Amino acid sequence: MENTGKEMDYYDDYSAYMPIDQMKLFDGYPNDFKNGECPHLFKCPSCGKDKIEMIKE
């Protein structure tokens, strides 16, 4: 699996330019801000499957 970056960067055209802490308020992960974690998208280059993993900041 390859880390393709923050999941929130894929929300829309401008989300990659928004402050991370602001995006965490509505990203669907209720404890990521409190726990100091960031949801990242991992993708398999062979089969194309993907999954979200929490990365410690």
PDB file of N, CA and C in Angstrom:
ATOM      1  N   MET A   1       0.844  -1.176   0.000  1.00  0.00           N
ATOM      2  CA  MET A   1       0.000   0.000   0.000  1.00  0.00           C
ATOM      3  C   MET A   1       0.891   1.242   0.000  1.00  0.00           C
ATOM      4  N   GLU A   2       0.493   2.209  -0.781  1.00  0.00           N
ATOM      5  CA  GLU A   2       1.217   3.480  -0.856  1.00  0.00           C
ATOM      6  C   GLU A   2       0.394   4.567  -0.183  1.00  0.00           C
ATOM      7  N   ASN A   3       1.063   5.395   0.599  1.00  0.00           N
ATOM      8  CA  ASN A   3       0.412   6.521   1.252  1.00  0.00           C
ATOM      9  C   ASN A   3       0.239   7.620   0.206  1.00  0.00           C
ATOM     10  N   THR A   4      -1.025   7.939  -0.137  1.00  0.00           N
ATOM     11  CA  THR A   4      -1.279   8.969  -1.143  1.00  0.00           C
ATOM     12  C   THR A   4      -1.619  10.321  -0.521  1.00  0.00           C
ATOM     13  N   GLY A   5      -1.491  10.437   0.805  1.00  0.00           N
ATOM     14  CA  GLY A   5      -1.681  11.718   1.465  1.00  0.00           C
ATOM     15  C   GLY A   5      -2.931  11.788   2.316  1.00  0.00           C
ATOM     16  N   LYS A   6      -3.204  12.979   2.798  1.00  0.00           N
ATOM     17  CA  LYS A   6      -4.354  13.202   3.674  1.00  0.00           C
ATOM     18  C   LYS A   6      -5.660  12.958   2.918  1.00  0.00           C
ATOM     19  N   GLU A   7      -6.561  12.237   3.543  1.00  0.00           N
ATOM     20  CA  GLU A   7      -7.856  11.971   2.915  1.00  0.00           C
ATOM     21  C   GLU A   7      -8.583  13.274   2.601  1.00  0.00           C
ATOM     22  N   MET A   8      -8.484  14.243   3.484  1.00  0.00           N
ATOM     23  CA  MET A   8      -9.215  15.500   3.316  1.00  0.00           C
ATOM     24  C   MET A   8      -8.759  16.291   2.090  1.00  0.00           C
ATOM     25  N   ASP A   9      -7.573  16.011   1.584  1.00  0.00           N
ATOM     26  CA  ASP A   9      -7.088  16.691   0.375  1.00  0.00           C
ATOM     27  C   ASP A   9      -7.909  16.311  -0.854  1.00  0.00           C
ATOM     28  N   TYR A  10      -8.651  15.229  -0.773  1.00  0.00           N
ATOM     29  CA  TYR A  10      -9.439  14.738  -1.898  1.00  0.00           C
ATOM     30  C   TYR A  10     -10.915  15.144  -1.821  1.00  0.00           C
ATOM     31  N   TYR A  11     -11.304  15.914  -0.813  1.00  0.00           N
ATOM     32  CA  TYR A  11     -12.710  16.307  -0.653  1.00  0.00           C
ATOM     33  C   TYR A  11     -13.200  17.180  -1.801  1.00  0.00           C
ATOM     34  N   ASP A  12     -12.447  18.195  -2.142  1.00  0.00           N
ATOM     35  CA  ASP A  12     -12.821  19.081  -3.253  1.00  0.00           C
ATOM     36  C   ASP A  12     -11.576  19.811  -3.753  1.00  0.00           C
ATOM     37  N   ASP A  13     -11.740  20.716  -4.679  1.00  0.00           N
ATOM     38  CA  ASP A  13     -10.600  21.409  -5.295  1.00  0.00           C
ATOM     39  C   ASP A  13      -9.806  22.280  -4.320  1.00  0.00           C
ATOM     40  N   TYR A  14     -10.449  22.760  -3.255  1.00  0.00           N
ATOM     41  CA  TYR A  14      -9.797  23.711  -2.363  1.00  0.00           C
ATOM     42  C   TYR A  14      -9.408  23.124  -1.015  1.00  0.00           C
ATOM     43  N   SER A  15      -9.838  21.918  -0.704  1.00  0.00           N
ATOM     44  CA  SER A  15      -9.591  21.357   0.625  1.00  0.00           C
ATOM     45  C   SER A  15      -8.104  21.186   0.930  1.00  0.00           C
ATOM     46  N   ALA A  16      -7.284  20.966  -0.056  1.00  0.00           N
ATOM     47  CA  ALA A  16      -5.840  20.817   0.177  1.00  0.00           C
ATOM     48  C   ALA A  16      -5.202  22.111   0.669  1.00  0.00           C
ATOM     49  N   TYR A  17      -5.880  23.232   0.445  1.00  0.00           N
ATOM     50  CA  TYR A  17      -5.341  24.537   0.836  1.00  0.00           C
ATOM     51  C   TYR A  17      -5.923  25.053   2.146  1.00  0.00           C
ATOM     52  N   MET A  18      -6.851  24.312   2.740  1.00  0.00           N
ATOM     53  CA  MET A  18      -7.481  24.718   3.998  1.00  0.00           C
ATOM     54  C   MET A  18      -6.594  24.295   5.173  1.00  0.00           C
ATOM     55  N   PRO A  19      -6.665  25.018   6.296  1.00  0.00           N
ATOM     56  CA  PRO A  19      -5.902  24.620   7.483  1.00  0.00           C
ATOM     57  C   PRO A  19      -6.350  23.232   7.959  1.00  0.00           C
ATOM     58  N   ILE A  20      -5.396  22.392   8.294  1.00  0.00           N
ATOM     59  CA  ILE A  20      -5.692  21.011   8.684  1.00  0.00           C
ATOM     60  C   ILE A  20      -6.620  20.959   9.888  1.00  0.00           C
ATOM     61  N   ASP A  21      -6.343  21.761  10.918  1.00  0.00           N
ATOM     62  CA  ASP A  21      -7.183  21.721  12.120  1.00  0.00           C
ATOM     63  C   ASP A  21      -8.620  22.133  11.818  1.00  0.00           C
ATOM     64  N   GLN A  22      -8.811  23.041  10.891  1.00  0.00           N
ATOM     65  CA  GLN A  22     -10.158  23.453  10.495  1.00  0.00           C
ATOM     66  C   GLN A  22     -10.870  22.305   9.769  1.00  0.00           C
ATOM     67  N   MET A  23     -10.167  21.617   8.911  1.00  0.00           N
ATOM     68  CA  MET A  23     -10.757  20.502   8.172  1.00  0.00           C
ATOM     69  C   MET A  23     -11.146  19.353   9.098  1.00  0.00           C
ATOM     70  N   LYS A  24     -10.413  19.189  10.179  1.00  0.00           N
ATOM     71  CA  LYS A  24     -10.704  18.115  11.120  1.00  0.00           C
ATOM     72  C   LYS A  24     -12.035  18.314  11.837  1.00  0.00           C
ATOM     73  N   LEU A  25     -12.571  19.518  11.815  1.00  0.00           N
ATOM     74  CA  LEU A  25     -13.847  19.773  12.479  1.00  0.00           C
ATOM     75  C   LEU A  25     -15.019  19.118  11.760  1.00  0.00           C
ATOM     76  N   PHE A  26     -14.867  18.816  10.476  1.00  0.00           N
ATOM     77  CA  PHE A  26     -15.980  18.222   9.731  1.00  0.00           C
ATOM     78  C   PHE A  26     -15.547  17.084   8.803  1.00  0.00           C
ATOM     79  N   ASP A  27     -14.455  16.400   9.147  1.00  0.00           N
ATOM     80  CA  ASP A  27     -13.977  15.321   8.276  1.00  0.00           C
ATOM     81  C   ASP A  27     -14.626  13.965   8.551  1.00  0.00           C
ATOM     82  N   GLY A  28     -15.481  13.884   9.578  1.00  0.00           N
ATOM     83  CA  GLY A  28     -16.171  12.627   9.862  1.00  0.00           C
ATOM     84  C   GLY A  28     -15.460  11.743  10.861  1.00  0.00           C
ATOM     85  N   TYR A  29     -14.326  12.169  11.365  1.00  0.00           N
ATOM     86  CA  TYR A  29     -13.589  11.418  12.383  1.00  0.00           C
ATOM     87  C   TYR A  29     -13.632  12.234  13.674  1.00  0.00           C
ATOM     88  N   PRO A  30     -14.503  11.869  14.602  1.00  0.00           N
ATOM     89  CA  PRO A  30     -14.757  12.721  15.766  1.00  0.00           C
ATOM     90  C   PRO A  30     -13.574  12.921  16.707  1.00  0.00           C
ATOM     91  N   ASN A  31     -12.602  12.032  16.712  1.00  0.00           N
ATOM     92  CA  ASN A  31     -11.507  12.146  17.686  1.00  0.00           C
ATOM     93  C   ASN A  31     -10.148  12.431  17.068  1.00  0.00           C
ATOM     94  N   ASP A  32     -10.070  12.672  15.782  1.00  0.00           N
ATOM     95  CA  ASP A  32      -8.754  12.859  15.162  1.00  0.00           C
ATOM     96  C   ASP A  32      -8.035  14.103  15.676  1.00  0.00           C
ATOM     97  N   PHE A  33      -8.753  15.182  15.895  1.00  0.00           N
ATOM     98  CA  PHE A  33      -8.118  16.400  16.416  1.00  0.00           C
ATOM     99  C   PHE A  33      -7.640  16.162  17.843  1.00  0.00           C
ATOM    100  N   LYS A  34      -8.518  15.613  18.673  1.00  0.00           N
ATOM    101  CA  LYS A  34      -8.197  15.377  20.080  1.00  0.00           C
ATOM    102  C   LYS A  34      -7.037  14.393  20.236  1.00  0.00           C
ATOM    103  N   ASN A  35      -6.974  13.376  19.384  1.00  0.00           N
ATOM    104  CA  ASN A  35      -5.953  12.341  19.488  1.00  0.00           C
ATOM    105  C   ASN A  35      -4.672  12.668  18.718  1.00  0.00           C
ATOM    106  N   GLY A  36      -4.647  13.789  18.025  1.00  0.00           N
ATOM    107  CA  GLY A  36      -3.463  14.168  17.262  1.00  0.00           C
ATOM    108  C   GLY A  36      -3.186  13.215  16.109  1.00  0.00           C
ATOM    109  N   GLU A  37      -4.262  12.825  15.418  1.00  0.00           N
ATOM    110  CA  GLU A  37      -4.143  11.895  14.303  1.00  0.00           C
ATOM    111  C   GLU A  37      -4.662  12.538  13.026  1.00  0.00           C
ATOM    112  N   CYS A  38      -4.235  11.983  11.906  1.00  0.00           N
ATOM    113  CA  CYS A  38      -4.662  12.484  10.614  1.00  0.00           C
ATOM    114  C   CYS A  38      -5.018  11.297   9.723  1.00  0.00           C
ATOM    115  N   PRO A  39      -6.241  11.276   9.162  1.00  0.00           N
ATOM    116  CA  PRO A  39      -6.617  10.175   8.281  1.00  0.00           C
ATOM    117  C   PRO A  39      -5.928  10.298   6.922  1.00  0.00           C
ATOM    118  N   HIS A  40      -5.180   9.264   6.553  1.00  0.00           N
ATOM    119  CA  HIS A  40      -4.478   9.229   5.273  1.00  0.00           C
ATOM    120  C   HIS A  40      -5.052   8.128   4.403  1.00  0.00           C
ATOM    121  N   LEU A  41      -5.057   8.371   3.104  1.00  0.00           N
ATOM    122  CA  LEU A  41      -5.535   7.408   2.130  1.00  0.00           C
ATOM    123  C   LEU A  41      -4.361   6.568   1.640  1.00  0.00           C
ATOM    124  N   PHE A  42      -4.498   5.263   1.782  1.00  0.00           N
ATOM    125  CA  PHE A  42      -3.502   4.325   1.278  1.00  0.00           C
ATOM    126  C   PHE A  42      -4.113   3.573   0.109  1.00  0.00           C
ATOM    127  N   LYS A  43      -3.349   3.410  -0.958  1.00  0.00           N
ATOM    128  CA  LYS A  43      -3.850   2.754  -2.163  1.00  0.00           C
ATOM    129  C   LYS A  43      -2.845   1.696  -2.630  1.00  0.00           C
ATOM    130  N   CYS A  44      -3.365   0.545  -3.051  1.00  0.00           N
ATOM    131  CA  CYS A  44      -2.531  -0.525  -3.575  1.00  0.00           C
ATOM    132  C   CYS A  44      -2.312  -0.288  -5.066  1.00  0.00           C
ATOM    133  N   PRO A  45      -1.056  -0.162  -5.498  1.00  0.00           N
ATOM    134  CA  PRO A  45      -0.794   0.083  -6.917  1.00  0.00           C
ATOM    135  C   PRO A  45      -1.105  -1.130  -7.800  1.00  0.00           C
ATOM    136  N   SER A  46      -1.141  -2.312  -7.216  1.00  0.00           N
ATOM    137  CA  SER A  46      -1.401  -3.525  -7.995  1.00  0.00           C
ATOM    138  C   SER A  46      -2.882  -3.751  -8.252  1.00  0.00           C
ATOM    139  N   CYS A  47      -3.682  -3.733  -7.170  1.00  0.00           N
ATOM    140  CA  CYS A  47      -5.099  -4.076  -7.327  1.00  0.00           C
ATOM    141  C   CYS A  47      -6.032  -2.868  -7.315  1.00  0.00           C
ATOM    142  N   GLY A  48      -5.529  -1.694  -6.865  1.00  0.00           N
ATOM    143  CA  GLY A  48      -6.346  -0.491  -6.853  1.00  0.00           C
ATOM    144  C   GLY A  48      -7.204  -0.306  -5.615  1.00  0.00           C
ATOM    145  N   LYS A  49      -7.190  -1.268  -4.680  1.00  0.00           N
ATOM    146  CA  LYS A  49      -7.964  -1.109  -3.449  1.00  0.00           C
ATOM    147  C   LYS A  49      -7.355  -0.004  -2.608  1.00  0.00           C
ATOM    148  N   ASP A  50      -8.210   0.619  -1.799  1.00  0.00           N
ATOM    149  CA  ASP A  50      -7.708   1.658  -0.909  1.00  0.00           C
ATOM    150  C   ASP A  50      -8.317   1.500   0.469  1.00  0.00           C
ATOM    151  N   LYS A  51      -7.662   2.151   1.453  1.00  0.00           N
ATOM    152  CA  LYS A  51      -8.162   2.159   2.823  1.00  0.00           C
ATOM    153  C   LYS A  51      -7.632   3.398   3.522  1.00  0.00           C
ATOM    154  N   ILE A  52      -8.312   3.753   4.594  1.00  0.00           N
ATOM    155  CA  ILE A  52      -7.926   4.905   5.397  1.00  0.00           C
ATOM    156  C   ILE A  52      -7.224   4.399   6.657  1.00  0.00           C
ATOM    157  N   GLU A  53      -6.087   4.978   6.948  1.00  0.00           N
ATOM    158  CA  GLU A  53      -5.344   4.671   8.172  1.00  0.00           C
ATOM    159  C   GLU A  53      -5.068   5.987   8.903  1.00  0.00           C
ATOM    160  N   MET A  54      -5.164   5.944  10.224  1.00  0.00           N
ATOM    161  CA  MET A  54      -4.876   7.123  11.023  1.00  0.00           C
ATOM    162  C   MET A  54      -3.368   7.197  11.268  1.00  0.00           C
ATOM    163  N   ILE A  55      -2.790   8.360  10.957  1.00  0.00           N
ATOM    164  CA  ILE A  55      -1.358   8.619  11.130  1.00  0.00           C
ATOM    165  C   ILE A  55      -1.179   9.546  12.320  1.00  0.00           C
ATOM    166  N   LYS A  56      -0.306   9.193  13.236  1.00  0.00           N
ATOM    167  CA  LYS A  56      -0.025  10.036  14.388  1.00  0.00           C
ATOM    168  C   LYS A  56       0.754  11.269  13.924  1.00  0.00           C
ATOM    169  N   GLU A  57       0.337  12.431  14.406  1.00  0.00           N
ATOM    170  CA  GLU A  57       1.009  13.686  14.009  1.00  0.00           C
ATOM    171  C   GLU A  57       2.226  13.940  14.860  1.00  0.00           C
TER     172      GLU A  57
END
